[in-house]
Amino acid sequence: MSRKYKFNDKNGVYFISFATVYWIDVFVRDCYFEAMISALNYCRENKGMKIYGYCIMPSHVHLLFQIEEKKILLMSFEI
């Protein structure tokens, strides 16, 4: 499986999943859960991310979204 996300269709809706290192249960703590929500909100409000759905699990995240500016969004999505 490729480790690099490929977003070739500007109008496409994408599904991605990402996990914490060693699948450690990070998002069970409110501060880290809130940091993820804040990062998603920032990308939605400032980076052209249209979120259709997400699921934040204790050790990983599933995200269904569409983007306008792929390079700008992916470089800025960090928590």
N, C-alpha and C. Protein backbone atom coordinates (compact mmCIF):
# COMPACT_ATOMS: atom_id res chain seq x y z
N MET A 1 0.84 -1.18 0.00
CA MET A 1 0.00 0.00 0.00
C MET A 1 0.88 1.24 0.00
N SER A 2 0.55 2.18 -0.82
CA SER A 2 1.31 3.42 -0.91
C SER A 2 1.16 4.25 0.36
N ARG A 3 2.22 4.88 0.77
CA ARG A 3 2.19 5.75 1.94
C ARG A 3 1.92 7.20 1.56
N LYS A 4 1.93 7.50 0.26
CA LYS A 4 1.67 8.86 -0.20
C LYS A 4 0.26 8.93 -0.75
N TYR A 5 -0.49 9.91 -0.28
CA TYR A 5 -1.84 10.09 -0.79
C TYR A 5 -1.77 10.69 -2.19
N LYS A 6 -2.63 10.20 -3.05
CA LYS A 6 -2.68 10.69 -4.42
C LYS A 6 -4.06 11.29 -4.68
N PHE A 7 -4.09 12.57 -4.93
CA PHE A 7 -5.35 13.27 -5.19
C PHE A 7 -5.29 13.81 -6.61
N ASN A 8 -5.73 13.01 -7.56
CA ASN A 8 -5.62 13.37 -8.97
C ASN A 8 -6.83 14.08 -9.52
N ASP A 9 -7.98 13.91 -8.92
CA ASP A 9 -9.22 14.49 -9.42
C ASP A 9 -9.62 15.65 -8.52
N LYS A 10 -9.54 16.87 -9.05
CA LYS A 10 -9.85 18.05 -8.25
C LYS A 10 -11.27 18.01 -7.71
N ASN A 11 -12.19 17.41 -8.42
CA ASN A 11 -13.58 17.34 -7.99
C ASN A 11 -13.91 16.07 -7.22
N GLY A 12 -12.90 15.24 -6.99
CA GLY A 12 -13.13 13.96 -6.33
C GLY A 12 -13.38 14.09 -4.84
N VAL A 13 -14.09 13.12 -4.32
CA VAL A 13 -14.28 12.99 -2.88
C VAL A 13 -13.38 11.85 -2.43
N TYR A 14 -12.61 12.08 -1.39
CA TYR A 14 -11.59 11.13 -0.97
C TYR A 14 -11.85 10.60 0.43
N PHE A 15 -11.44 9.34 0.62
CA PHE A 15 -11.48 8.69 1.92
C PHE A 15 -10.04 8.40 2.32
N ILE A 16 -9.65 8.88 3.49
CA ILE A 16 -8.33 8.54 4.02
C ILE A 16 -8.47 8.06 5.46
N SER A 17 -7.52 7.26 5.87
CA SER A 17 -7.40 6.82 7.25
C SER A 17 -5.96 7.05 7.67
N PHE A 18 -5.76 7.47 8.89
CA PHE A 18 -4.41 7.54 9.42
C PHE A 18 -4.42 7.18 10.88
N ALA A 19 -3.30 6.60 11.32
CA ALA A 19 -3.21 6.06 12.67
C ALA A 19 -2.06 6.72 13.43
N THR A 20 -2.15 6.61 14.73
CA THR A 20 -1.07 7.10 15.58
C THR A 20 0.10 6.11 15.55
N VAL A 21 1.25 6.55 15.95
CA VAL A 21 2.42 5.69 16.00
C VAL A 21 2.15 4.54 16.98
N TYR A 22 2.42 3.34 16.54
CA TYR A 22 2.20 2.12 17.32
C TYR A 22 0.73 1.92 17.74
N TRP A 23 -0.15 2.59 17.07
CA TRP A 23 -1.59 2.50 17.33
C TRP A 23 -1.92 2.79 18.80
N ILE A 24 -1.22 3.74 19.37
CA ILE A 24 -1.47 4.13 20.76
C ILE A 24 -2.80 4.89 20.84
N ASP A 25 -3.59 4.62 21.85
CA ASP A 25 -4.89 5.26 22.04
C ASP A 25 -4.71 6.71 22.50
N VAL A 26 -4.54 7.60 21.54
CA VAL A 26 -4.28 9.02 21.83
C VAL A 26 -5.58 9.79 21.98
N PHE A 27 -6.54 9.52 21.14
CA PHE A 27 -7.75 10.36 21.08
C PHE A 27 -8.77 10.05 22.17
N VAL A 28 -8.40 9.25 23.15
CA VAL A 28 -9.27 9.04 24.31
C VAL A 28 -9.17 10.22 25.28
N ARG A 29 -8.11 10.99 25.16
CA ARG A 29 -7.94 12.18 26.01
C ARG A 29 -8.58 13.37 25.32
N ASP A 30 -9.36 14.12 26.07
CA ASP A 30 -10.10 15.24 25.50
C ASP A 30 -9.21 16.27 24.81
N CYS A 31 -8.03 16.54 25.35
CA CYS A 31 -7.18 17.58 24.75
C CYS A 31 -6.73 17.19 23.34
N TYR A 32 -6.44 15.91 23.10
CA TYR A 32 -6.02 15.47 21.78
C TYR A 32 -7.21 15.36 20.82
N PHE A 33 -8.33 14.93 21.35
CA PHE A 33 -9.56 14.88 20.54
C PHE A 33 -9.93 16.29 20.08
N GLU A 34 -9.89 17.26 20.99
CA GLU A 34 -10.19 18.65 20.65
C GLU A 34 -9.18 19.21 19.66
N ALA A 35 -7.91 18.82 19.78
CA ALA A 35 -6.90 19.27 18.82
C ALA A 35 -7.21 18.77 17.41
N MET A 36 -7.69 17.54 17.31
CA MET A 36 -8.06 17.00 15.99
C MET A 36 -9.27 17.74 15.43
N ILE A 37 -10.27 17.99 16.26
CA ILE A 37 -11.45 18.73 15.82
C ILE A 37 -11.06 20.14 15.39
N SER A 38 -10.17 20.78 16.13
CA SER A 38 -9.70 22.12 15.78
C SER A 38 -8.96 22.12 14.44
N ALA A 39 -8.14 21.10 14.21
CA ALA A 39 -7.41 21.00 12.95
C ALA A 39 -8.38 20.82 11.78
N LEU A 40 -9.38 19.97 11.97
CA LEU A 40 -10.39 19.77 10.92
C LEU A 40 -11.17 21.05 10.66
N ASN A 41 -11.56 21.75 11.71
CA ASN A 41 -12.29 23.01 11.55
C ASN A 41 -11.44 24.07 10.85
N TYR A 42 -10.17 24.14 11.20
CA TYR A 42 -9.29 25.11 10.56
C TYR A 42 -9.18 24.82 9.07
N CYS A 43 -8.98 23.57 8.71
CA CYS A 43 -8.88 23.21 7.29
C CYS A 43 -10.19 23.47 6.55
N ARG A 44 -11.29 23.24 7.23
CA ARG A 44 -12.60 23.49 6.61
C ARG A 44 -12.81 24.98 6.39
N GLU A 45 -12.50 25.79 7.39
CA GLU A 45 -12.76 27.22 7.32
C GLU A 45 -11.73 28.01 6.52
N ASN A 46 -10.49 27.55 6.47
CA ASN A 46 -9.41 28.35 5.88
C ASN A 46 -8.71 27.71 4.68
N LYS A 47 -8.88 26.42 4.48
CA LYS A 47 -8.11 25.74 3.44
C LYS A 47 -8.96 25.09 2.35
N GLY A 48 -10.25 25.34 2.36
CA GLY A 48 -11.09 24.82 1.29
C GLY A 48 -11.43 23.35 1.40
N MET A 49 -11.43 22.82 2.61
CA MET A 49 -11.78 21.41 2.81
C MET A 49 -13.29 21.30 3.05
N LYS A 50 -13.93 20.46 2.27
CA LYS A 50 -15.36 20.18 2.47
C LYS A 50 -15.45 18.80 3.09
N ILE A 51 -15.88 18.75 4.35
CA ILE A 51 -15.92 17.48 5.08
C ILE A 51 -17.32 16.88 4.95
N TYR A 52 -17.35 15.63 4.47
CA TYR A 52 -18.61 14.90 4.35
C TYR A 52 -18.84 13.99 5.55
N GLY A 53 -17.77 13.56 6.18
CA GLY A 53 -17.90 12.72 7.36
C GLY A 53 -16.54 12.39 7.92
N TYR A 54 -16.51 12.09 9.20
CA TYR A 54 -15.28 11.65 9.84
C TYR A 54 -15.62 10.77 11.03
N CYS A 55 -14.66 9.96 11.42
CA CYS A 55 -14.80 9.11 12.59
C CYS A 55 -13.45 9.12 13.31
N ILE A 56 -13.45 9.65 14.52
CA ILE A 56 -12.23 9.70 15.31
C ILE A 56 -12.29 8.54 16.30
N MET A 57 -11.41 7.57 16.08
CA MET A 57 -11.32 6.39 16.94
C MET A 57 -10.19 6.62 17.93
N PRO A 58 -10.04 5.78 18.95
CA PRO A 58 -8.99 6.01 19.94
C PRO A 58 -7.58 6.11 19.37
N SER A 59 -7.28 5.35 18.30
CA SER A 59 -5.92 5.34 17.78
C SER A 59 -5.81 5.71 16.30
N HIS A 60 -6.91 6.05 15.67
CA HIS A 60 -6.86 6.40 14.25
C HIS A 60 -8.06 7.25 13.86
N VAL A 61 -8.00 7.79 12.64
CA VAL A 61 -9.04 8.69 12.14
C VAL A 61 -9.43 8.26 10.73
N HIS A 62 -10.71 8.29 10.43
CA HIS A 62 -11.24 8.09 9.08
C HIS A 62 -11.83 9.42 8.65
N LEU A 63 -11.59 9.79 7.40
CA LEU A 63 -12.04 11.10 6.92
C LEU A 63 -12.52 10.99 5.48
N LEU A 64 -13.70 11.53 5.22
CA LEU A 64 -14.29 11.59 3.89
C LEU A 64 -14.44 13.06 3.54
N PHE A 65 -13.72 13.51 2.50
CA PHE A 65 -13.66 14.94 2.23
C PHE A 65 -13.38 15.24 0.76
N GLN A 66 -13.54 16.51 0.44
CA GLN A 66 -13.24 17.03 -0.89
C GLN A 66 -12.39 18.28 -0.68
N ILE A 67 -11.47 18.54 -1.63
CA ILE A 67 -10.57 19.67 -1.47
C ILE A 67 -10.57 20.57 -2.70
N GLU A 68 -10.18 21.83 -2.47
CA GLU A 68 -10.03 22.77 -3.58
C GLU A 68 -8.56 22.96 -3.94
N GLU A 69 -7.71 23.13 -2.95
CA GLU A 69 -6.28 23.35 -3.17
C GLU A 69 -5.51 22.22 -2.49
N LYS A 70 -5.20 21.14 -3.23
CA LYS A 70 -4.67 19.94 -2.60
C LYS A 70 -3.32 20.15 -1.92
N LYS A 71 -2.41 20.86 -2.53
CA LYS A 71 -1.08 21.01 -1.93
C LYS A 71 -1.13 21.85 -0.66
N ILE A 72 -1.87 22.93 -0.68
CA ILE A 72 -1.95 23.80 0.48
C ILE A 72 -2.61 23.08 1.65
N LEU A 73 -3.65 22.35 1.40
CA LEU A 73 -4.38 21.65 2.46
C LEU A 73 -3.53 20.58 3.13
N LEU A 74 -2.94 19.70 2.37
CA LEU A 74 -2.22 18.58 2.95
C LEU A 74 -0.97 19.00 3.68
N MET A 75 -0.33 20.08 3.25
CA MET A 75 0.85 20.55 3.95
C MET A 75 0.49 21.19 5.28
N SER A 76 -0.72 21.68 5.43
CA SER A 76 -1.08 22.40 6.65
C SER A 76 -1.88 21.57 7.64
N PHE A 77 -2.22 20.34 7.29
CA PHE A 77 -3.03 19.52 8.19
C PHE A 77 -2.14 18.78 9.16
N GLU A 78 -1.86 19.38 10.28
CA GLU A 78 -1.05 18.79 11.34
C GLU A 78 -1.67 19.08 12.67
N ILE A 79 -1.52 18.17 13.60
CA ILE A 79 -1.96 18.44 14.97
C ILE A 79 -0.80 18.20 15.90
